[in-house]
Amino acid sequence: MKVTLVGVKNIEAFETNDGKTVDGVKLFIAYSDENTYGNVAESKYIDRKVFNDFGIKLDELVDHIGEVIDCEFNPKQKIVGITV
């Protein structure tokens, strides 16, 4: 799915109150939708281990802010692949 990369947030590892570790990347994306006037804008969290498997470095992704990239989603609408 073609999306516009609006922003990227690096989430440094931290522990939640229930003992889980959060470490990953949050993407802010926008895309057109036939049921929406304008664009849909949302954020998507990607676990660090999953992001690292994409083969793209964070700095490289940041260089593409404002551009259209291709995101692959699984049935649960989680990002499982990125092509710039």
Protein backbone atom coordinates (compact mmCIF):
# COMPACT_ATOMS: atom_id res chain seq x y z
CA MET A 1 0.00 0.00 0.00
CA LYS A 2 1.36 3.40 -0.97
CA VAL A 3 1.48 5.82 1.97
CA THR A 4 3.04 9.21 2.61
CA LEU A 5 5.61 9.05 5.38
CA VAL A 6 4.80 12.02 7.61
CA GLY A 7 7.13 11.31 10.54
CA VAL A 8 9.29 8.77 12.34
CA LYS A 9 9.76 8.45 16.10
CA ASN A 10 12.47 6.29 17.63
CA ILE A 11 11.18 4.75 20.85
CA GLU A 12 14.08 3.92 23.14
CA ALA A 13 13.65 0.78 25.21
CA PHE A 14 11.71 1.20 28.44
CA GLU A 15 9.80 -1.06 30.80
CA THR A 16 6.06 -0.67 31.32
CA ASN A 17 4.34 -0.92 34.70
CA ASP A 18 3.46 -4.54 34.00
CA GLY A 19 7.08 -5.45 33.25
CA LYS A 20 6.95 -5.55 29.45
CA THR A 21 9.76 -3.94 27.46
CA VAL A 22 8.82 -1.51 24.71
CA ASP A 23 11.49 -0.86 22.09
CA GLY A 24 10.68 0.12 18.55
CA VAL A 25 9.80 2.70 15.94
CA LYS A 26 6.58 4.62 15.43
CA LEU A 27 5.70 5.67 11.89
CA PHE A 28 3.27 8.47 11.16
CA ILE A 29 1.64 7.89 7.80
CA ALA A 30 -1.13 9.31 5.62
CA TYR A 31 -3.02 7.71 2.76
CA SER A 32 -6.15 8.20 0.72
CA ASP A 33 -9.31 6.26 1.51
CA GLU A 34 -12.48 6.23 -0.56
CA ASN A 35 -14.63 6.74 2.55
CA THR A 36 -12.66 9.76 3.79
CA TYR A 37 -12.51 13.37 2.63
CA GLY A 38 -8.83 14.18 2.37
CA ASN A 39 -6.43 11.60 3.78
CA VAL A 40 -6.42 9.19 6.69
CA ALA A 41 -3.57 9.94 9.10
CA GLU A 42 -2.42 7.43 11.68
CA SER A 43 0.56 6.10 13.55
CA LYS A 44 1.86 2.55 13.46
CA TYR A 45 4.19 1.02 16.06
CA ILE A 46 6.80 -1.47 14.85
CA ASP A 47 8.76 -3.58 17.34
CA ARG A 48 12.53 -3.02 17.02
CA LYS A 49 13.22 -6.67 16.13
CA VAL A 50 10.62 -6.58 13.35
CA PHE A 51 11.89 -3.21 12.08
CA ASN A 52 15.47 -4.47 11.96
CA ASP A 53 14.32 -7.37 9.75
CA PHE A 54 13.11 -4.85 7.14
CA GLY A 55 16.73 -4.16 6.18
CA ILE A 56 16.35 -0.39 6.34
CA LYS A 57 18.13 1.82 8.84
CA LEU A 58 16.22 4.41 10.84
CA ASP A 59 18.29 7.29 9.43
CA GLU A 60 17.58 6.10 5.89
CA LEU A 61 13.86 6.02 6.60
CA VAL A 62 13.97 9.53 8.10
CA ASP A 63 15.47 10.76 4.82
CA HIS A 64 12.19 9.77 3.11
CA ILE A 65 9.85 11.86 5.29
CA GLY A 66 7.40 13.63 3.02
CA GLU A 67 7.74 11.00 0.32
CA VAL A 68 5.53 8.13 -0.77
CA ILE A 69 6.76 4.74 0.45
CA ASP A 70 5.30 1.26 0.15
CA CYS A 71 4.13 -0.45 3.35
CA GLU A 72 3.06 -4.06 3.48
CA PHE A 73 0.39 -4.84 6.09
CA ASN A 74 -0.70 -8.15 7.59
CA PRO A 75 -4.42 -8.96 8.13
CA LYS A 76 -4.26 -7.25 11.55
CA GLN A 77 -3.08 -4.05 9.81
CA LYS A 78 0.43 -4.24 11.34
CA ILE A 79 3.31 -3.19 9.10
CA VAL A 80 5.31 -6.23 8.04
CA GLY A 81 7.43 -4.66 5.30
CA ILE A 82 8.66 -1.29 4.03
CA THR A 83 10.07 -0.36 0.62
CA VAL A 84 11.40 3.13 -0.03
